[in-house]
Amino acid sequence: MMAVWNMMFILGPVVGSILYSSSPKLTFFVASTLLLVTFIPIKKISIYFHNLVQAEKITH
């Protein structure tokens, strides 16, 4: 896992600069798409735990 983390510090700026050199708008589009892709599972986890807490309040 540490190798992936360290590789992202190298690949992130490289990919970002390549995208920016091709089109500045493309850089922001890719960044916003990646943000949305990571937001969806985080929101689902939040909803799951909220429902879990509500279910425990009802049973106790």
PDB file of N, CA and C in Angstrom:
ATOM      1  N   MET A   1       0.821  -1.200   0.000  1.00  0.00           N
ATOM      2  CA  MET A   1       0.000   0.000   0.000  1.00  0.00           C
ATOM      3  C   MET A   1       0.864   1.262   0.000  1.00  0.00           C
ATOM      4  N   MET A   2       2.000   1.184   0.709  1.00  0.00           N
ATOM      5  CA  MET A   2       2.888   2.341   0.739  1.00  0.00           C
ATOM      6  C   MET A   2       3.455   2.651  -0.642  1.00  0.00           C
ATOM      7  N   ALA A   3       3.678   1.607  -1.436  1.00  0.00           N
ATOM      8  CA  ALA A   3       4.222   1.819  -2.779  1.00  0.00           C
ATOM      9  C   ALA A   3       3.226   2.580  -3.646  1.00  0.00           C
ATOM     10  N   VAL A   4       1.948   2.251  -3.506  1.00  0.00           N
ATOM     11  CA  VAL A   4       0.910   2.959  -4.278  1.00  0.00           C
ATOM     12  C   VAL A   4       0.845   4.409  -3.831  1.00  0.00           C
ATOM     13  N   TRP A   5       0.896   4.618  -2.528  1.00  0.00           N
ATOM     14  CA  TRP A   5       0.845   5.980  -1.985  1.00  0.00           C
ATOM     15  C   TRP A   5       2.014   6.809  -2.520  1.00  0.00           C
ATOM     16  N   ASN A   6       3.212   6.244  -2.492  1.00  0.00           N
ATOM     17  CA  ASN A   6       4.391   6.966  -2.979  1.00  0.00           C
ATOM     18  C   ASN A   6       4.349   7.187  -4.484  1.00  0.00           C
ATOM     19  N   MET A   7       3.808   6.218  -5.219  1.00  0.00           N
ATOM     20  CA  MET A   7       3.727   6.356  -6.671  1.00  0.00           C
ATOM     21  C   MET A   7       2.768   7.487  -7.059  1.00  0.00           C
ATOM     22  N   MET A   8       1.735   7.707  -6.285  1.00  0.00           N
ATOM     23  CA  MET A   8       0.780   8.767  -6.597  1.00  0.00           C
ATOM     24  C   MET A   8       1.410  10.147  -6.477  1.00  0.00           C
ATOM     25  N   PHE A   9       2.405  10.294  -5.574  1.00  0.00           N
ATOM     26  CA  PHE A   9       3.103  11.572  -5.462  1.00  0.00           C
ATOM     27  C   PHE A   9       3.945  11.854  -6.696  1.00  0.00           C
ATOM     28  N   ILE A  10       4.301  10.827  -7.433  1.00  0.00           N
ATOM     29  CA  ILE A  10       5.064  10.995  -8.670  1.00  0.00           C
ATOM     30  C   ILE A  10       4.129  11.113  -9.864  1.00  0.00           C
ATOM     31  N   LEU A  11       3.150  10.198  -9.946  1.00  0.00           N
ATOM     32  CA  LEU A  11       2.265  10.171 -11.122  1.00  0.00           C
ATOM     33  C   LEU A  11       1.264  11.328 -11.147  1.00  0.00           C
ATOM     34  N   GLY A  12       0.818  11.771  -9.996  1.00  0.00           N
ATOM     35  CA  GLY A  12      -0.167  12.851  -9.950  1.00  0.00           C
ATOM     36  C   GLY A  12       0.294  14.107 -10.669  1.00  0.00           C
ATOM     37  N   PRO A  13       1.434  14.666 -10.286  1.00  0.00           N
ATOM     38  CA  PRO A  13       1.908  15.863 -10.990  1.00  0.00           C
ATOM     39  C   PRO A  13       2.251  15.621 -12.460  1.00  0.00           C
ATOM     40  N   VAL A  14       2.751  14.430 -12.766  1.00  0.00           N
ATOM     41  CA  VAL A  14       3.087  14.128 -14.165  1.00  0.00           C
ATOM     42  C   VAL A  14       1.825  14.101 -15.015  1.00  0.00           C
ATOM     43  N   VAL A  15       0.818  13.373 -14.571  1.00  0.00           N
ATOM     44  CA  VAL A  15      -0.441  13.294 -15.323  1.00  0.00           C
ATOM     45  C   VAL A  15      -1.119  14.659 -15.369  1.00  0.00           C
ATOM     46  N   GLY A  16      -1.087  15.381 -14.250  1.00  0.00           N
ATOM     47  CA  GLY A  16      -1.682  16.720 -14.230  1.00  0.00           C
ATOM     48  C   GLY A  16      -1.026  17.665 -15.206  1.00  0.00           C
ATOM     49  N   SER A  17       0.294  17.624 -15.294  1.00  0.00           N
ATOM     50  CA  SER A  17       0.979  18.521 -16.224  1.00  0.00           C
ATOM     51  C   SER A  17       0.735  18.124 -17.675  1.00  0.00           C
ATOM     52  N   ILE A  18       0.636  16.828 -17.944  1.00  0.00           N
ATOM     53  CA  ILE A  18       0.332  16.384 -19.311  1.00  0.00           C
ATOM     54  C   ILE A  18      -1.078  16.821 -19.704  1.00  0.00           C
ATOM     55  N   LEU A  19      -2.022  16.656 -18.784  1.00  0.00           N
ATOM     56  CA  LEU A  19      -3.387  17.089 -19.077  1.00  0.00           C
ATOM     57  C   LEU A  19      -3.457  18.598 -19.271  1.00  0.00           C
ATOM     58  N   TYR A  20      -2.754  19.342 -18.412  1.00  0.00           N
ATOM     59  CA  TYR A  20      -2.789  20.794 -18.515  1.00  0.00           C
ATOM     60  C   TYR A  20      -2.140  21.294 -19.798  1.00  0.00           C
ATOM     61  N   SER A  21      -1.091  20.609 -20.223  1.00  0.00           N
ATOM     62  CA  SER A  21      -0.435  21.039 -21.462  1.00  0.00           C
ATOM     63  C   SER A  21      -1.314  20.763 -22.678  1.00  0.00           C
ATOM     64  N   SER A  22      -2.166  19.730 -22.590  1.00  0.00           N
ATOM     65  CA  SER A  22      -3.059  19.456 -23.713  1.00  0.00           C
ATOM     66  C   SER A  22      -4.262  20.393 -23.699  1.00  0.00           C
ATOM     67  N   SER A  23      -4.833  20.609 -22.510  1.00  0.00           N
ATOM     68  CA  SER A  23      -5.971  21.524 -22.391  1.00  0.00           C
ATOM     69  C   SER A  23      -6.216  21.819 -20.917  1.00  0.00           C
ATOM     70  N   PRO A  24      -6.167  23.086 -20.514  1.00  0.00           N
ATOM     71  CA  PRO A  24      -6.417  23.404 -19.107  1.00  0.00           C
ATOM     72  C   PRO A  24      -7.806  22.979 -18.634  1.00  0.00           C
ATOM     73  N   LYS A  25      -8.785  23.048 -19.514  1.00  0.00           N
ATOM     74  CA  LYS A  25     -10.136  22.626 -19.136  1.00  0.00           C
ATOM     75  C   LYS A  25     -10.195  21.126 -18.850  1.00  0.00           C
ATOM     76  N   LEU A  26      -9.421  20.367 -19.591  1.00  0.00           N
ATOM     77  CA  LEU A  26      -9.398  18.920 -19.407  1.00  0.00           C
ATOM     78  C   LEU A  26      -8.879  18.549 -18.015  1.00  0.00           C
ATOM     79  N   THR A  27      -7.905  19.303 -17.520  1.00  0.00           N
ATOM     80  CA  THR A  27      -7.356  19.047 -16.197  1.00  0.00           C
ATOM     81  C   THR A  27      -8.437  19.171 -15.133  1.00  0.00           C
ATOM     82  N   PHE A  28      -9.231  20.232 -15.195  1.00  0.00           N
ATOM     83  CA  PHE A  28     -10.276  20.438 -14.203  1.00  0.00           C
ATOM     84  C   PHE A  28     -11.414  19.437 -14.375  1.00  0.00           C
ATOM     85  N   PHE A  29     -11.690  19.047 -15.602  1.00  0.00           N
ATOM     86  CA  PHE A  29     -12.724  18.048 -15.835  1.00  0.00           C
ATOM     87  C   PHE A  29     -12.326  16.702 -15.232  1.00  0.00           C
ATOM     88  N   VAL A  30     -11.091  16.288 -15.447  1.00  0.00           N
ATOM     89  CA  VAL A  30     -10.614  15.017 -14.889  1.00  0.00           C
ATOM     90  C   VAL A  30     -10.587  15.083 -13.363  1.00  0.00           C
ATOM     91  N   ALA A  31     -10.138  16.203 -12.810  1.00  0.00           N
ATOM     92  CA  ALA A  31     -10.097  16.350 -11.355  1.00  0.00           C
ATOM     93  C   ALA A  31     -11.495  16.288 -10.754  1.00  0.00           C
ATOM     94  N   SER A  32     -12.463  16.943 -11.373  1.00  0.00           N
ATOM     95  CA  SER A  32     -13.824  16.906 -10.842  1.00  0.00           C
ATOM     96  C   SER A  32     -14.451  15.531 -11.002  1.00  0.00           C
ATOM     97  N   THR A  33     -14.132  14.840 -12.081  1.00  0.00           N
ATOM     98  CA  THR A  33     -14.637  13.478 -12.267  1.00  0.00           C
ATOM     99  C   THR A  33     -14.074  12.542 -11.206  1.00  0.00           C
ATOM    100  N   LEU A  34     -12.779  12.639 -10.932  1.00  0.00           N
ATOM    101  CA  LEU A  34     -12.167  11.813  -9.892  1.00  0.00           C
ATOM    102  C   LEU A  34     -12.751  12.128  -8.521  1.00  0.00           C
ATOM    103  N   LEU A  35     -13.033  13.390  -8.273  1.00  0.00           N
ATOM    104  CA  LEU A  35     -13.644  13.774  -6.999  1.00  0.00           C
ATOM    105  C   LEU A  35     -15.029  13.162  -6.858  1.00  0.00           C
ATOM    106  N   LEU A  36     -15.820  13.196  -7.916  1.00  0.00           N
ATOM    107  CA  LEU A  36     -17.143  12.592  -7.871  1.00  0.00           C
ATOM    108  C   LEU A  36     -17.079  11.078  -7.709  1.00  0.00           C
ATOM    109  N   VAL A  37     -16.115  10.453  -8.369  1.00  0.00           N
ATOM    110  CA  VAL A  37     -15.974   8.996  -8.262  1.00  0.00           C
ATOM    111  C   VAL A  37     -15.623   8.590  -6.835  1.00  0.00           C
ATOM    112  N   THR A  38     -14.813   9.386  -6.149  1.00  0.00           N
ATOM    113  CA  THR A  38     -14.477   9.057  -4.764  1.00  0.00           C
ATOM    114  C   THR A  38     -15.565   9.481  -3.794  1.00  0.00           C
ATOM    115  N   PHE A  39     -16.371  10.464  -4.155  1.00  0.00           N
ATOM    116  CA  PHE A  39     -17.421  10.938  -3.261  1.00  0.00           C
ATOM    117  C   PHE A  39     -18.566   9.933  -3.145  1.00  0.00           C
ATOM    118  N   ILE A  40     -18.882   9.244  -4.215  1.00  0.00           N
ATOM    119  CA  ILE A  40     -20.024   8.321  -4.220  1.00  0.00           C
ATOM    120  C   ILE A  40     -19.860   7.202  -3.196  1.00  0.00           C
ATOM    121  N   PRO A  41     -18.736   6.479  -3.147  1.00  0.00           N
ATOM    122  CA  PRO A  41     -18.615   5.431  -2.117  1.00  0.00           C
ATOM    123  C   PRO A  41     -18.576   5.995  -0.699  1.00  0.00           C
ATOM    124  N   ILE A  42     -17.966   7.169  -0.520  1.00  0.00           N
ATOM    125  CA  ILE A  42     -17.917   7.763   0.815  1.00  0.00           C
ATOM    126  C   ILE A  42     -19.318   8.118   1.279  1.00  0.00           C
ATOM    127  N   LYS A  43     -20.139   8.625   0.405  1.00  0.00           N
ATOM    128  CA  LYS A  43     -21.520   8.966   0.761  1.00  0.00           C
ATOM    129  C   LYS A  43     -22.311   7.709   1.098  1.00  0.00           C
ATOM    130  N   LYS A  44     -22.096   6.631   0.355  1.00  0.00           N
ATOM    131  CA  LYS A  44     -22.804   5.381   0.635  1.00  0.00           C
ATOM    132  C   LYS A  44     -22.411   4.831   1.999  1.00  0.00           C
ATOM    133  N   ILE A  45     -21.137   4.945   2.351  1.00  0.00           N
ATOM    134  CA  ILE A  45     -20.696   4.493   3.673  1.00  0.00           C
ATOM    135  C   ILE A  45     -21.353   5.336   4.755  1.00  0.00           C
ATOM    136  N   SER A  46     -21.435   6.628   4.532  1.00  0.00           N
ATOM    137  CA  SER A  46     -22.070   7.516   5.498  1.00  0.00           C
ATOM    138  C   SER A  46     -23.540   7.158   5.687  1.00  0.00           C
ATOM    139  N   ILE A  47     -24.239   6.899   4.615  1.00  0.00           N
ATOM    140  CA  ILE A  47     -25.656   6.527   4.698  1.00  0.00           C
ATOM    141  C   ILE A  47     -25.808   5.190   5.412  1.00  0.00           C
ATOM    142  N   TYR A  48     -24.914   4.243   5.136  1.00  0.00           N
ATOM    143  CA  TYR A  48     -24.968   2.929   5.782  1.00  0.00           C
ATOM    144  C   TYR A  48     -24.832   3.074   7.297  1.00  0.00           C
ATOM    145  N   PHE A  49     -23.833   3.838   7.733  1.00  0.00           N
ATOM    146  CA  PHE A  49     -23.631   3.980   9.171  1.00  0.00           C
ATOM    147  C   PHE A  49     -24.751   4.783   9.825  1.00  0.00           C
ATOM    148  N   HIS A  50     -25.310   5.744   9.128  1.00  0.00           N
ATOM    149  CA  HIS A  50     -26.453   6.484   9.666  1.00  0.00           C
ATOM    150  C   HIS A  50     -27.639   5.541   9.875  1.00  0.00           C
ATOM    151  N   ASN A  51     -27.906   4.687   8.907  1.00  0.00           N
ATOM    152  CA  ASN A  51     -28.997   3.720   9.041  1.00  0.00           C
ATOM    153  C   ASN A  51     -28.715   2.710  10.142  1.00  0.00           C
ATOM    154  N   LEU A  52     -27.472   2.325  10.302  1.00  0.00           N
ATOM    155  CA  LEU A  52     -27.091   1.382  11.351  1.00  0.00           C
ATOM    156  C   LEU A  52     -27.330   1.984  12.728  1.00  0.00           C
ATOM    157  N   VAL A  53     -26.971   3.242  12.916  1.00  0.00           N
ATOM    158  CA  VAL A  53     -27.195   3.911  14.200  1.00  0.00           C
ATOM    159  C   VAL A  53     -28.682   4.056  14.458  1.00  0.00           C
ATOM    160  N   GLN A  54     -29.445   4.417  13.445  1.00  0.00           N
ATOM    161  CA  GLN A  54     -30.900   4.546  13.618  1.00  0.00           C
ATOM    162  C   GLN A  54     -31.534   3.217  13.983  1.00  0.00           C
ATOM    163  N   ALA A  55     -31.069   2.136  13.379  1.00  0.00           N
ATOM    164  CA  ALA A  55     -31.616   0.805  13.676  1.00  0.00           C
ATOM    165  C   ALA A  55     -31.305   0.398  15.115  1.00  0.00           C
ATOM    166  N   GLU A  56     -30.126   0.740  15.599  1.00  0.00           N
ATOM    167  CA  GLU A  56     -29.775   0.423  16.973  1.00  0.00           C
ATOM    168  C   GLU A  56     -30.565   1.236  17.972  1.00  0.00           C
ATOM    169  N   LYS A  57     -30.885   2.494  17.628  1.00  0.00           N
ATOM    170  CA  LYS A  57     -31.713   3.303  18.519  1.00  0.00           C
ATOM    171  C   LYS A  57     -33.107   2.732  18.645  1.00  0.00           C
ATOM    172  N   ILE A  58     -33.622   2.163  17.564  1.00  0.00           N
ATOM    173  CA  ILE A  58     -34.972   1.599  17.576  1.00  0.00           C
ATOM    174  C   ILE A  58     -34.993   0.321  18.412  1.00  0.00           C
ATOM    175  N   THR A  59     -33.960  -0.507  18.303  1.00  0.00           N
ATOM    176  CA  THR A  59     -33.969  -1.782  19.026  1.00  0.00           C
ATOM    177  C   THR A  59     -33.656  -1.624  20.504  1.00  0.00           C
ATOM    178  N   HIS A  60     -33.068  -0.513  20.899  1.00  0.00           N
ATOM    179  CA  HIS A  60     -32.736  -0.337  22.323  1.00  0.00           C
ATOM    180  C   HIS A  60     -33.712   0.542  22.990  1.00  0.00           C
TER     181      HIS A  60
END
